[in-house]
């Protein structure tokens, strides 16, 4: 996960996937009917560099349509954080703040847990 990227829950991010063919190979597909995209919508596909490179632009759905909000978050005196489950989430990203300044090096990616000890961060 890119710790420097910020998305709002209503944003619809666009990603570009770059595929490169091995030597002596090329991409012959680039039309919409040549692709099956799950979890997003194909915007455009284009070949470059004598069809050795294929770029596929995909529009992702807004998070608000994918996951439910976290309703409660608690932090105990011993540094244990706990939060309610977000339906549809595959993991959580936790950032610890000190004196209202974020320390990006004091963060943790947490997969499928709703409790984490932050005192070591």
PDB file of N, CA and C in Angstrom:
ATOM      1  N   UNK A   1       0.850  -1.176   0.000  1.00  0.00           N
ATOM      2  CA  UNK A   1       0.000   0.000   0.000  1.00  0.00           C
ATOM      3  C   UNK A   1       0.892   1.235   0.000  1.00  0.00           C
ATOM      4  N   UNK A   2       0.598   2.179  -0.837  1.00  0.00           N
ATOM      5  CA  UNK A   2       1.354   3.417  -0.911  1.00  0.00           C
ATOM      6  C   UNK A   2       0.937   4.320   0.228  1.00  0.00           C
ATOM      7  N   UNK A   3       1.830   4.551   1.186  1.00  0.00           N
ATOM      8  CA  UNK A   3       1.489   5.327   2.372  1.00  0.00           C
ATOM      9  C   UNK A   3       1.322   6.821   2.049  1.00  0.00           C
ATOM     10  N   UNK A   4       1.775   7.269   0.881  1.00  0.00           N
ATOM     11  CA  UNK A   4       1.674   8.679   0.549  1.00  0.00           C
ATOM     12  C   UNK A   4       0.430   9.045  -0.236  1.00  0.00           C
ATOM     13  N   UNK A   5      -0.343   8.083  -0.676  1.00  0.00           N
ATOM     14  CA  UNK A   5      -1.539   8.337  -1.469  1.00  0.00           C
ATOM     15  C   UNK A   5      -2.745   8.483  -0.558  1.00  0.00           C
ATOM     16  N   UNK A   6      -3.532   9.504  -0.805  1.00  0.00           N
ATOM     17  CA  UNK A   6      -4.739   9.716  -0.015  1.00  0.00           C
ATOM     18  C   UNK A   6      -5.940   9.704  -0.949  1.00  0.00           C
ATOM     19  N   UNK A   7      -6.910   8.884  -0.631  1.00  0.00           N
ATOM     20  CA  UNK A   7      -8.160   8.838  -1.367  1.00  0.00           C
ATOM     21  C   UNK A   7      -9.282   9.166  -0.416  1.00  0.00           C
ATOM     22  N   UNK A   8     -10.247   9.877  -0.911  1.00  0.00           N
ATOM     23  CA  UNK A   8     -11.478  10.105  -0.161  1.00  0.00           C
ATOM     24  C   UNK A   8     -12.418   8.953  -0.485  1.00  0.00           C
ATOM     25  N   UNK A   9     -13.344   8.689   0.385  1.00  0.00           N
ATOM     26  CA  UNK A   9     -14.243   7.542   0.218  1.00  0.00           C
ATOM     27  C   UNK A   9     -15.135   7.686  -1.018  1.00  0.00           C
ATOM     28  N   UNK A  10     -15.317   8.914  -1.514  1.00  0.00           N
ATOM     29  CA  UNK A  10     -16.159   9.126  -2.693  1.00  0.00           C
ATOM     30  C   UNK A  10     -15.354   9.214  -3.993  1.00  0.00           C
ATOM     31  N   UNK A  11     -14.015   9.192  -3.922  1.00  0.00           N
ATOM     32  CA  UNK A  11     -13.176   9.264  -5.124  1.00  0.00           C
ATOM     33  C   UNK A  11     -13.337   8.010  -5.971  1.00  0.00           C
ATOM     34  N   UNK A  12     -13.239   8.167  -7.275  1.00  0.00           N
ATOM     35  CA  UNK A  12     -13.222   7.032  -8.193  1.00  0.00           C
ATOM     36  C   UNK A  12     -11.860   7.021  -8.886  1.00  0.00           C
ATOM     37  N   UNK A  13     -10.891   6.314  -8.310  1.00  0.00           N
ATOM     38  CA  UNK A  13      -9.526   6.363  -8.841  1.00  0.00           C
ATOM     39  C   UNK A  13      -9.392   5.686 -10.198  1.00  0.00           C
ATOM     40  N   UNK A  14      -8.476   6.201 -10.981  1.00  0.00           N
ATOM     41  CA  UNK A  14      -8.138   5.618 -12.277  1.00  0.00           C
ATOM     42  C   UNK A  14      -6.727   5.053 -12.163  1.00  0.00           C
ATOM     43  N   UNK A  15      -6.555   3.804 -12.588  1.00  0.00           N
ATOM     44  CA  UNK A  15      -5.232   3.194 -12.587  1.00  0.00           C
ATOM     45  C   UNK A  15      -4.867   2.812 -14.006  1.00  0.00           C
ATOM     46  N   UNK A  16      -3.568   2.747 -14.272  1.00  0.00           N
ATOM     47  CA  UNK A  16      -3.062   2.289 -15.558  1.00  0.00           C
ATOM     48  C   UNK A  16      -2.194   1.069 -15.304  1.00  0.00           C
ATOM     49  N   UNK A  17      -2.519  -0.015 -15.965  1.00  0.00           N
ATOM     50  CA  UNK A  17      -1.741  -1.249 -15.876  1.00  0.00           C
ATOM     51  C   UNK A  17      -0.866  -1.320 -17.125  1.00  0.00           C
ATOM     52  N   UNK A  18       0.445  -1.496 -16.912  1.00  0.00           N
ATOM     53  CA  UNK A  18       1.390  -1.584 -18.020  1.00  0.00           C
ATOM     54  C   UNK A  18       1.873  -3.018 -18.122  1.00  0.00           C
ATOM     55  N   UNK A  19       1.650  -3.625 -19.280  1.00  0.00           N
ATOM     56  CA  UNK A  19       2.113  -4.982 -19.555  1.00  0.00           C
ATOM     57  C   UNK A  19       3.179  -4.909 -20.637  1.00  0.00           C
ATOM     58  N   UNK A  20       4.293  -5.631 -20.433  1.00  0.00           N
ATOM     59  CA  UNK A  20       5.388  -5.648 -21.398  1.00  0.00           C
ATOM     60  C   UNK A  20       5.585  -7.075 -21.887  1.00  0.00           C
ATOM     61  N   UNK A  21       5.621  -7.243 -23.200  1.00  0.00           N
ATOM     62  CA  UNK A  21       5.807  -8.568 -23.796  1.00  0.00           C
ATOM     63  C   UNK A  21       7.280  -8.956 -23.763  1.00  0.00           C
ATOM     64  N   UNK A  22       7.534 -10.266 -23.664  1.00  0.00           N
ATOM     65  CA  UNK A  22       8.901 -10.779 -23.757  1.00  0.00           C
ATOM     66  C   UNK A  22       9.421 -10.566 -25.171  1.00  0.00           C
ATOM     67  N   UNK A  23      10.722 -10.729 -25.339  1.00  0.00           N
ATOM     68  CA  UNK A  23      11.330 -10.595 -26.665  1.00  0.00           C
ATOM     69  C   UNK A  23      10.645 -11.536 -27.653  1.00  0.00           C
ATOM     70  N   UNK A  24      10.492 -11.072 -28.866  1.00  0.00           N
ATOM     71  CA  UNK A  24       9.872 -11.819 -29.969  1.00  0.00           C
ATOM     72  C   UNK A  24       8.380 -12.064 -29.777  1.00  0.00           C
ATOM     73  N   UNK A  25       7.756 -11.359 -28.840  1.00  0.00           N
ATOM     74  CA  UNK A  25       6.312 -11.448 -28.636  1.00  0.00           C
ATOM     75  C   UNK A  25       5.724 -10.042 -28.724  1.00  0.00           C
ATOM     76  N   UNK A  26       4.420  -9.972 -28.960  1.00  0.00           N
ATOM     77  CA  UNK A  26       3.743  -8.682 -29.017  1.00  0.00           C
ATOM     78  C   UNK A  26       2.289  -8.879 -28.604  1.00  0.00           C
ATOM     79  N   UNK A  27       1.594  -7.767 -28.359  1.00  0.00           N
ATOM     80  CA  UNK A  27       0.179  -7.804 -27.985  1.00  0.00           C
ATOM     81  C   UNK A  27      -0.669  -7.575 -29.220  1.00  0.00           C
ATOM     82  N   UNK A  28      -1.600  -8.493 -29.469  1.00  0.00           N
ATOM     83  CA  UNK A  28      -2.498  -8.330 -30.604  1.00  0.00           C
ATOM     84  C   UNK A  28      -3.865  -7.837 -30.163  1.00  0.00           C
ATOM     85  N   UNK A  29      -4.138  -7.834 -28.853  1.00  0.00           N
ATOM     86  CA  UNK A  29      -5.446  -7.399 -28.343  1.00  0.00           C
ATOM     87  C   UNK A  29      -5.369  -5.961 -27.859  1.00  0.00           C
ATOM     88  N   UNK A  30      -6.435  -5.240 -28.031  1.00  0.00           N
ATOM     89  CA  UNK A  30      -6.532  -3.899 -27.463  1.00  0.00           C
ATOM     90  C   UNK A  30      -7.941  -3.331 -27.512  1.00  0.00           C
ATOM     91  N   UNK A  31      -8.899  -4.087 -28.022  1.00  0.00           N
ATOM     92  CA  UNK A  31     -10.278  -3.628 -28.055  1.00  0.00           C
ATOM     93  C   UNK A  31     -11.002  -4.050 -26.778  1.00  0.00           C
ATOM     94  N   UNK A  32     -12.055  -3.342 -26.435  1.00  0.00           N
ATOM     95  CA  UNK A  32     -12.794  -3.600 -25.188  1.00  0.00           C
ATOM     96  C   UNK A  32     -13.260  -5.042 -25.084  1.00  0.00           C
ATOM     97  N   UNK A  33     -13.701  -5.617 -26.177  1.00  0.00           N
ATOM     98  CA  UNK A  33     -14.201  -6.998 -26.120  1.00  0.00           C
ATOM     99  C   UNK A  33     -13.089  -8.028 -25.897  1.00  0.00           C
ATOM    100  N   UNK A  34     -11.831  -7.598 -25.989  1.00  0.00           N
ATOM    101  CA  UNK A  34     -10.702  -8.491 -25.749  1.00  0.00           C
ATOM    102  C   UNK A  34     -10.354  -8.620 -24.258  1.00  0.00           C
ATOM    103  N   UNK A  35     -11.001  -7.843 -23.404  1.00  0.00           N
ATOM    104  CA  UNK A  35     -10.658  -7.784 -21.979  1.00  0.00           C
ATOM    105  C   UNK A  35     -11.836  -8.167 -21.105  1.00  0.00           C
ATOM    106  N   UNK A  36     -11.512  -8.750 -19.964  1.00  0.00           N
ATOM    107  CA  UNK A  36     -12.508  -8.973 -18.920  1.00  0.00           C
ATOM    108  C   UNK A  36     -11.953  -8.316 -17.650  1.00  0.00           C
ATOM    109  N   UNK A  37     -12.594  -7.257 -17.223  1.00  0.00           N
ATOM    110  CA  UNK A  37     -12.179  -6.509 -16.035  1.00  0.00           C
ATOM    111  C   UNK A  37     -13.194  -6.788 -14.937  1.00  0.00           C
ATOM    112  N   UNK A  38     -12.715  -7.252 -13.787  1.00  0.00           N
ATOM    113  CA  UNK A  38     -13.566  -7.491 -12.628  1.00  0.00           C
ATOM    114  C   UNK A  38     -13.204  -6.480 -11.553  1.00  0.00           C
ATOM    115  N   UNK A  39     -14.186  -5.779 -11.026  1.00  0.00           N
ATOM    116  CA  UNK A  39     -13.937  -4.797  -9.977  1.00  0.00           C
ATOM    117  C   UNK A  39     -13.595  -3.417 -10.490  1.00  0.00           C
ATOM    118  N   UNK A  40     -13.802  -3.183 -11.749  1.00  0.00           N
ATOM    119  CA  UNK A  40     -13.524  -1.873 -12.337  1.00  0.00           C
ATOM    120  C   UNK A  40     -14.090  -1.817 -13.745  1.00  0.00           C
ATOM    121  N   UNK A  41     -13.886  -0.680 -14.398  1.00  0.00           N
ATOM    122  CA  UNK A  41     -14.408  -0.484 -15.752  1.00  0.00           C
ATOM    123  C   UNK A  41     -13.271  -0.081 -16.682  1.00  0.00           C
ATOM    124  N   UNK A  42     -13.166  -0.773 -17.805  1.00  0.00           N
ATOM    125  CA  UNK A  42     -12.148  -0.461 -18.803  1.00  0.00           C
ATOM    126  C   UNK A  42     -12.429   0.911 -19.412  1.00  0.00           C
ATOM    127  N   UNK A  43     -11.435   1.773 -19.362  1.00  0.00           N
ATOM    128  CA  UNK A  43     -11.552   3.086 -19.997  1.00  0.00           C
ATOM    129  C   UNK A  43     -10.926   3.054 -21.384  1.00  0.00           C
ATOM    130  N   UNK A  44      -9.696   2.544 -21.435  1.00  0.00           N
ATOM    131  CA  UNK A  44      -8.967   2.537 -22.704  1.00  0.00           C
ATOM    132  C   UNK A  44      -7.843   1.518 -22.617  1.00  0.00           C
ATOM    133  N   UNK A  45      -7.514   0.912 -23.760  1.00  0.00           N
ATOM    134  CA  UNK A  45      -6.331   0.071 -23.888  1.00  0.00           C
ATOM    135  C   UNK A  45      -5.580   0.540 -25.121  1.00  0.00           C
ATOM    136  N   UNK A  46      -4.268   0.612 -25.001  1.00  0.00           N
ATOM    137  CA  UNK A  46      -3.474   1.076 -26.143  1.00  0.00           C
ATOM    138  C   UNK A  46      -2.144   0.318 -26.194  1.00  0.00           C
ATOM    139  N   UNK A  47      -1.711   0.077 -27.412  1.00  0.00           N
ATOM    140  CA  UNK A  47      -0.424  -0.577 -27.641  1.00  0.00           C
ATOM    141  C   UNK A  47       0.598   0.474 -28.031  1.00  0.00           C
ATOM    142  N   UNK A  48       1.818   0.263 -27.570  1.00  0.00           N
ATOM    143  CA  UNK A  48       2.922   1.159 -27.919  1.00  0.00           C
ATOM    144  C   UNK A  48       4.178   0.334 -28.166  1.00  0.00           C
ATOM    145  N   UNK A  49       5.203   0.983 -28.705  1.00  0.00           N
ATOM    146  CA  UNK A  49       6.504   0.342 -28.904  1.00  0.00           C
ATOM    147  C   UNK A  49       6.358  -0.916 -29.766  1.00  0.00           C
ATOM    148  N   UNK A  50       5.799  -0.752 -30.971  1.00  0.00           N
ATOM    149  CA  UNK A  50       5.582  -1.860 -31.912  1.00  0.00           C
ATOM    150  C   UNK A  50       4.761  -2.992 -31.297  1.00  0.00           C
ATOM    151  N   UNK A  51       3.782  -2.618 -30.466  1.00  0.00           N
ATOM    152  CA  UNK A  51       2.881  -3.557 -29.779  1.00  0.00           C
ATOM    153  C   UNK A  51       3.575  -4.414 -28.725  1.00  0.00           C
ATOM    154  N   UNK A  52       4.787  -4.041 -28.317  1.00  0.00           N
ATOM    155  CA  UNK A  52       5.476  -4.754 -27.240  1.00  0.00           C
ATOM    156  C   UNK A  52       4.980  -4.323 -25.870  1.00  0.00           C
ATOM    157  N   UNK A  53       4.359  -3.155 -25.787  1.00  0.00           N
ATOM    158  CA  UNK A  53       3.810  -2.648 -24.528  1.00  0.00           C
ATOM    159  C   UNK A  53       2.311  -2.446 -24.678  1.00  0.00           C
ATOM    160  N   UNK A  54       1.585  -2.858 -23.654  1.00  0.00           N
ATOM    161  CA  UNK A  54       0.138  -2.666 -23.620  1.00  0.00           C
ATOM    162  C   UNK A  54      -0.200  -1.899 -22.351  1.00  0.00           C
ATOM    163  N   UNK A  55      -0.922  -0.787 -22.492  1.00  0.00           N
ATOM    164  CA  UNK A  55      -1.368   0.026 -21.368  1.00  0.00           C
ATOM    165  C   UNK A  55      -2.882  -0.084 -21.276  1.00  0.00           C
ATOM    166  N   UNK A  56      -3.372  -0.424 -20.087  1.00  0.00           N
ATOM    167  CA  UNK A  56      -4.808  -0.583 -19.870  1.00  0.00           C
ATOM    168  C   UNK A  56      -5.223   0.379 -18.756  1.00  0.00           C
ATOM    169  N   UNK A  57      -6.099   1.320 -19.082  1.00  0.00           N
ATOM    170  CA  UNK A  57      -6.621   2.273 -18.104  1.00  0.00           C
ATOM    171  C   UNK A  57      -7.923   1.731 -17.539  1.00  0.00           C
ATOM    172  N   UNK A  58      -8.022   1.710 -16.196  1.00  0.00           N
ATOM    173  CA  UNK A  58      -9.182   1.147 -15.510  1.00  0.00           C
ATOM    174  C   UNK A  58      -9.703   2.153 -14.494  1.00  0.00           C
ATOM    175  N   UNK A  59     -11.006   2.381 -14.503  1.00  0.00           N
ATOM    176  CA  UNK A  59     -11.671   3.233 -13.507  1.00  0.00           C
ATOM    177  C   UNK A  59     -12.182   2.316 -12.402  1.00  0.00           C
ATOM    178  N   UNK A  60     -11.766   2.593 -11.160  1.00  0.00           N
ATOM    179  CA  UNK A  60     -12.214   1.795 -10.020  1.00  0.00           C
ATOM    180  C   UNK A  60     -13.437   2.441  -9.382  1.00  0.00           C
ATOM    181  N   UNK A  61     -14.290   1.660  -8.761  1.00  0.00           N
ATOM    182  CA  UNK A  61     -15.468   2.235  -8.105  1.00  0.00           C
ATOM    183  C   UNK A  61     -15.078   2.958  -6.817  1.00  0.00           C
ATOM    184  N   UNK A  62     -15.917   3.858  -6.394  1.00  0.00           N
ATOM    185  CA  UNK A  62     -15.681   4.591  -5.148  1.00  0.00           C
ATOM    186  C   UNK A  62     -15.735   3.635  -3.967  1.00  0.00           C
ATOM    187  N   UNK A  63     -14.909   3.896  -2.957  1.00  0.00           N
ATOM    188  CA  UNK A  63     -14.900   3.064  -1.753  1.00  0.00           C
ATOM    189  C   UNK A  63     -16.255   3.043  -1.064  1.00  0.00           C
ATOM    190  N   UNK A  64     -16.976   4.155  -1.148  1.00  0.00           N
ATOM    191  CA  UNK A  64     -18.274   4.234  -0.479  1.00  0.00           C
ATOM    192  C   UNK A  64     -19.229   3.160  -0.995  1.00  0.00           C
ATOM    193  N   UNK A  65     -19.008   2.689  -2.228  1.00  0.00           N
ATOM    194  CA  UNK A  65     -19.826   1.628  -2.804  1.00  0.00           C
ATOM    195  C   UNK A  65     -19.249   0.240  -2.543  1.00  0.00           C
ATOM    196  N   UNK A  66     -18.097   0.166  -1.873  1.00  0.00           N
ATOM    197  CA  UNK A  66     -17.410  -1.109  -1.672  1.00  0.00           C
ATOM    198  C   UNK A  66     -17.339  -1.555  -0.214  1.00  0.00           C
ATOM    199  N   UNK A  67     -17.212  -0.603   0.709  1.00  0.00           N
ATOM    200  CA  UNK A  67     -17.022  -0.940   2.125  1.00  0.00           C
ATOM    201  C   UNK A  67     -17.942  -0.090   2.994  1.00  0.00           C
ATOM    202  N   UNK A  68     -18.215  -0.608   4.184  1.00  0.00           N
ATOM    203  CA  UNK A  68     -19.016   0.157   5.137  1.00  0.00           C
ATOM    204  C   UNK A  68     -18.078   0.958   6.041  1.00  0.00           C
ATOM    205  N   UNK A  69     -18.553   2.052   6.605  1.00  0.00           N
ATOM    206  CA  UNK A  69     -17.692   2.867   7.470  1.00  0.00           C
ATOM    207  C   UNK A  69     -17.370   2.153   8.780  1.00  0.00           C
ATOM    208  N   UNK A  70     -16.226   2.481   9.356  1.00  0.00           N
ATOM    209  CA  UNK A  70     -15.866   1.999  10.689  1.00  0.00           C
ATOM    210  C   UNK A  70     -16.614   2.880  11.676  1.00  0.00           C
ATOM    211  N   UNK A  71     -17.450   2.273  12.482  1.00  0.00           N
ATOM    212  CA  UNK A  71     -18.323   3.029  13.378  1.00  0.00           C
ATOM    213  C   UNK A  71     -17.654   3.434  14.680  1.00  0.00           C
ATOM    214  N   UNK A  72     -16.782   2.579  15.234  1.00  0.00           N
ATOM    215  CA  UNK A  72     -16.142   2.879  16.520  1.00  0.00           C
ATOM    216  C   UNK A  72     -14.657   2.565  16.475  1.00  0.00           C
ATOM    217  N   UNK A  73     -13.885   3.391  17.183  1.00  0.00           N
ATOM    218  CA  UNK A  73     -12.447   3.184  17.363  1.00  0.00           C
ATOM    219  C   UNK A  73     -12.127   3.505  18.808  1.00  0.00           C
ATOM    220  N   UNK A  74     -11.363   2.613  19.453  1.00  0.00           N
ATOM    221  CA  UNK A  74     -10.968   2.827  20.841  1.00  0.00           C
ATOM    222  C   UNK A  74      -9.475   2.590  20.979  1.00  0.00           C
ATOM    223  N   UNK A  75      -8.812   3.403  21.807  1.00  0.00           N
ATOM    224  CA  UNK A  75      -7.395   3.248  22.108  1.00  0.00           C
ATOM    225  C   UNK A  75      -7.248   3.177  23.618  1.00  0.00           C
ATOM    226  N   UNK A  76      -6.709   2.052  24.103  1.00  0.00           N
ATOM    227  CA  UNK A  76      -6.547   1.871  25.544  1.00  0.00           C
ATOM    228  C   UNK A  76      -5.257   2.534  26.025  1.00  0.00           C
ATOM    229  N   UNK A  77      -5.108   2.645  27.327  1.00  0.00           N
ATOM    230  CA  UNK A  77      -3.914   3.259  27.913  1.00  0.00           C
ATOM    231  C   UNK A  77      -2.644   2.471  27.618  1.00  0.00           C
ATOM    232  N   UNK A  78      -2.768   1.162  27.380  1.00  0.00           N
ATOM    233  CA  UNK A  78      -1.578   0.363  27.072  1.00  0.00           C
ATOM    234  C   UNK A  78      -1.243   0.344  25.578  1.00  0.00           C
ATOM    235  N   UNK A  79      -1.932   1.145  24.786  1.00  0.00           N
ATOM    236  CA  UNK A  79      -1.616   1.283  23.365  1.00  0.00           C
ATOM    237  C   UNK A  79      -2.332   0.309  22.451  1.00  0.00           C
ATOM    238  N   UNK A  80      -3.353  -0.371  22.938  1.00  0.00           N
ATOM    239  CA  UNK A  80      -4.090  -1.298  22.083  1.00  0.00           C
ATOM    240  C   UNK A  80      -5.270  -0.578  21.443  1.00  0.00           C
ATOM    241  N   UNK A  81      -5.279  -0.609  20.114  1.00  0.00           N
ATOM    242  CA  UNK A  81      -6.369   0.003  19.352  1.00  0.00           C
ATOM    243  C   UNK A  81      -7.342  -1.078  18.916  1.00  0.00           C
ATOM    244  N   UNK A  82      -8.618  -0.779  18.964  1.00  0.00           N
ATOM    245  CA  UNK A  82      -9.657  -1.700  18.503  1.00  0.00           C
ATOM    246  C   UNK A  82     -10.703  -0.900  17.750  1.00  0.00           C
ATOM    247  N   UNK A  83     -11.251  -1.497  16.693  1.00  0.00           N
ATOM    248  CA  UNK A  83     -12.250  -0.806  15.885  1.00  0.00           C
ATOM    249  C   UNK A  83     -13.269  -1.798  15.377  1.00  0.00           C
ATOM    250  N   UNK A  84     -14.413  -1.266  14.974  1.00  0.00           N
ATOM    251  CA  UNK A  84     -15.472  -2.113  14.438  1.00  0.00           C
ATOM    252  C   UNK A  84     -15.107  -2.573  13.027  1.00  0.00           C
ATOM    253  N   UNK A  85     -15.680  -3.683  12.634  1.00  0.00           N
ATOM    254  CA  UNK A  85     -15.418  -4.253  11.308  1.00  0.00           C
ATOM    255  C   UNK A  85     -16.026  -3.365  10.224  1.00  0.00           C
ATOM    256  N   UNK A  86     -15.291  -3.205   9.135  1.00  0.00           N
ATOM    257  CA  UNK A  86     -15.806  -2.534   7.946  1.00  0.00           C
ATOM    258  C   UNK A  86     -16.157  -3.624   6.939  1.00  0.00           C
ATOM    259  N   UNK A  87     -17.442  -3.825   6.686  1.00  0.00           N
ATOM    260  CA  UNK A  87     -17.883  -4.853   5.751  1.00  0.00           C
ATOM    261  C   UNK A  87     -17.303  -4.571   4.369  1.00  0.00           C
ATOM    262  N   UNK A  88     -16.680  -5.576   3.778  1.00  0.00           N
ATOM    263  CA  UNK A  88     -16.099  -5.433   2.451  1.00  0.00           C
ATOM    264  C   UNK A  88     -14.619  -5.105   2.457  1.00  0.00           C
ATOM    265  N   UNK A  89     -14.052  -4.728   3.606  1.00  0.00           N
ATOM    266  CA  UNK A  89     -12.629  -4.380   3.678  1.00  0.00           C
ATOM    267  C   UNK A  89     -11.780  -5.642   3.689  1.00  0.00           C
ATOM    268  N   UNK A  90     -10.666  -5.611   2.969  1.00  0.00           N
ATOM    269  CA  UNK A  90      -9.743  -6.746   2.972  1.00  0.00           C
ATOM    270  C   UNK A  90      -8.599  -6.518   3.939  1.00  0.00           C
ATOM    271  N   UNK A  91      -8.497  -5.330   4.507  1.00  0.00           N
ATOM    272  CA  UNK A  91      -7.450  -5.003   5.463  1.00  0.00           C
ATOM    273  C   UNK A  91      -7.620  -3.583   5.942  1.00  0.00           C
ATOM    274  N   UNK A  92      -6.754  -3.187   6.838  1.00  0.00           N
ATOM    275  CA  UNK A  92      -6.827  -1.853   7.432  1.00  0.00           C
ATOM    276  C   UNK A  92      -5.447  -1.231   7.425  1.00  0.00           C
ATOM    277  N   UNK A  93      -5.384   0.079   7.289  1.00  0.00           N
ATOM    278  CA  UNK A  93      -4.139   0.826   7.391  1.00  0.00           C
ATOM    279  C   UNK A  93      -4.284   1.739   8.591  1.00  0.00           C
ATOM    280  N   UNK A  94      -3.347   1.629   9.519  1.00  0.00           N
ATOM    281  CA  UNK A  94      -3.396   2.416  10.752  1.00  0.00           C
ATOM    282  C   UNK A  94      -2.231   3.386  10.756  1.00  0.00           C
ATOM    283  N   UNK A  95      -2.493   4.631  11.066  1.00  0.00           N
ATOM    284  CA  UNK A  95      -1.450   5.642  11.200  1.00  0.00           C
ATOM    285  C   UNK A  95      -1.539   6.230  12.596  1.00  0.00           C
ATOM    286  N   UNK A  96      -0.427   6.289  13.277  1.00  0.00           N
ATOM    287  CA  UNK A  96      -0.386   6.856  14.629  1.00  0.00           C
ATOM    288  C   UNK A  96       0.035   8.314  14.542  1.00  0.00           C
ATOM    289  N   UNK A  97      -0.659   9.168  15.267  1.00  0.00           N
ATOM    290  CA  UNK A  97      -0.354  10.589  15.309  1.00  0.00           C
ATOM    291  C   UNK A  97       0.197  10.938  16.685  1.00  0.00           C
ATOM    292  N   UNK A  98       1.149  11.840  16.716  1.00  0.00           N
ATOM    293  CA  UNK A  98       1.700  12.313  17.980  1.00  0.00           C
ATOM    294  C   UNK A  98       1.726  13.831  17.911  1.00  0.00           C
ATOM    295  N   UNK A  99       1.094  14.466  18.896  1.00  0.00           N
ATOM    296  CA  UNK A  99       1.012  15.932  18.929  1.00  0.00           C
ATOM    297  C   UNK A  99       0.442  16.498  17.635  1.00  0.00           C
ATOM    298  N   UNK A 100      -0.542  15.813  17.084  1.00  0.00           N
ATOM    299  CA  UNK A 100      -1.270  16.222  15.880  1.00  0.00           C
ATOM    300  C   UNK A 100      -0.412  16.273  14.621  1.00  0.00           C
ATOM    301  N   UNK A 101       0.724  15.601  14.622  1.00  0.00           N
ATOM    302  CA  UNK A 101       1.557  15.483  13.426  1.00  0.00           C
ATOM    303  C   UNK A 101       1.675  14.010  13.089  1.00  0.00           C
ATOM    304  N   UNK A 102       1.532  13.707  11.819  1.00  0.00           N
ATOM    305  CA  UNK A 102       1.624  12.304  11.421  1.00  0.00           C
ATOM    306  C   UNK A 102       3.085  11.916  11.270  1.00  0.00           C
ATOM    307  N   UNK A 103       3.406  10.754  11.736  1.00  0.00           N
ATOM    308  CA  UNK A 103       4.728  10.171  11.544  1.00  0.00           C
ATOM    309  C   UNK A 103       4.533   8.985  10.612  1.00  0.00           C
ATOM    310  N   UNK A 104       4.833   9.167   9.331  1.00  0.00           N
ATOM    311  CA  UNK A 104       4.538   8.113   8.372  1.00  0.00           C
ATOM    312  C   UNK A 104       5.313   6.839   8.677  1.00  0.00           C
ATOM    313  N   UNK A 105       6.421   6.966   9.341  1.00  0.00           N
ATOM    314  CA  UNK A 105       7.176   5.783   9.712  1.00  0.00           C
ATOM    315  C   UNK A 105       6.545   5.069  10.898  1.00  0.00           C
ATOM    316  N   UNK A 106       5.565   5.693  11.517  1.00  0.00           N
ATOM    317  CA  UNK A 106       4.847   5.071  12.622  1.00  0.00           C
ATOM    318  C   UNK A 106       3.483   4.616  12.123  1.00  0.00           C
ATOM    319  N   UNK A 107       3.498   3.691  11.223  1.00  0.00           N
ATOM    320  CA  UNK A 107       2.242   3.198  10.676  1.00  0.00           C
ATOM    321  C   UNK A 107       2.321   1.690  10.510  1.00  0.00           C
ATOM    322  N   UNK A 108       1.192   1.079  10.329  1.00  0.00           N
ATOM    323  CA  UNK A 108       1.147  -0.371  10.173  1.00  0.00           C
ATOM    324  C   UNK A 108       0.030  -0.746   9.223  1.00  0.00           C
ATOM    325  N   UNK A 109       0.286  -1.733   8.402  1.00  0.00           N
ATOM    326  CA  UNK A 109      -0.773  -2.311   7.582  1.00  0.00           C
ATOM    327  C   UNK A 109      -1.281  -3.530   8.318  1.00  0.00           C
ATOM    328  N   UNK A 110      -2.566  -3.634   8.467  1.00  0.00           N
ATOM    329  CA  UNK A 110      -3.162  -4.711   9.239  1.00  0.00           C
ATOM    330  C   UNK A 110      -4.178  -5.410   8.352  1.00  0.00           C
ATOM    331  N   UNK A 111      -3.992  -6.689   8.174  1.00  0.00           N
ATOM    332  CA  UNK A 111      -4.895  -7.446   7.318  1.00  0.00           C
ATOM    333  C   UNK A 111      -5.874  -8.247   8.164  1.00  0.00           C
ATOM    334  N   UNK A 112      -7.156  -8.018   7.931  1.00  0.00           N
ATOM    335  CA  UNK A 112      -8.235  -8.794   8.523  1.00  0.00           C
ATOM    336  C   UNK A 112      -8.177  -8.880  10.041  1.00  0.00           C
ATOM    337  N   UNK A 113      -7.749  -7.821  10.700  1.00  0.00           N
ATOM    338  CA  UNK A 113      -7.782  -7.744  12.153  1.00  0.00           C
ATOM    339  C   UNK A 113      -8.528  -6.476  12.543  1.00  0.00           C
ATOM    340  N   UNK A 114      -9.121  -6.491  13.718  1.00  0.00           N
ATOM    341  CA  UNK A 114      -9.753  -5.289  14.216  1.00  0.00           C
ATOM    342  C   UNK A 114      -9.182  -4.871  15.555  1.00  0.00           C
ATOM    343  N   UNK A 115      -8.061  -5.479  15.956  1.00  0.00           N
ATOM    344  CA  UNK A 115      -7.358  -5.097  17.191  1.00  0.00           C
ATOM    345  C   UNK A 115      -5.879  -5.069  16.880  1.00  0.00           C
ATOM    346  N   UNK A 116      -5.163  -4.049  17.325  1.00  0.00           N
ATOM    347  CA  UNK A 116      -3.741  -3.936  17.086  1.00  0.00           C
ATOM    348  C   UNK A 116      -3.080  -3.181  18.211  1.00  0.00           C
ATOM    349  N   UNK A 117      -1.932  -3.659  18.709  1.00  0.00           N
ATOM    350  CA  UNK A 117      -1.162  -2.931  19.714  1.00  0.00           C
ATOM    351  C   UNK A 117      -0.274  -1.925  19.012  1.00  0.00           C
ATOM    352  N   UNK A 118      -0.411  -0.643  19.359  1.00  0.00           N
ATOM    353  CA  UNK A 118       0.334   0.425  18.703  1.00  0.00           C
ATOM    354  C   UNK A 118       1.483   0.942  19.548  1.00  0.00           C
ATOM    355  N   UNK A 119       1.668   0.457  20.763  1.00  0.00           N
ATOM    356  CA  UNK A 119       2.681   1.006  21.643  1.00  0.00           C
ATOM    357  C   UNK A 119       4.091   0.833  21.103  1.00  0.00           C
ATOM    358  N   UNK A 120       4.337  -0.148  20.235  1.00  0.00           N
ATOM    359  CA  UNK A 120       5.664  -0.360  19.650  1.00  0.00           C
ATOM    360  C   UNK A 120       5.954   0.539  18.462  1.00  0.00           C
ATOM    361  N   UNK A 121       4.977   1.234  17.961  1.00  0.00           N
ATOM    362  CA  UNK A 121       5.175   2.094  16.785  1.00  0.00           C
ATOM    363  C   UNK A 121       5.870   3.375  17.149  1.00  0.00           C
TER     364      UNK A 121
END
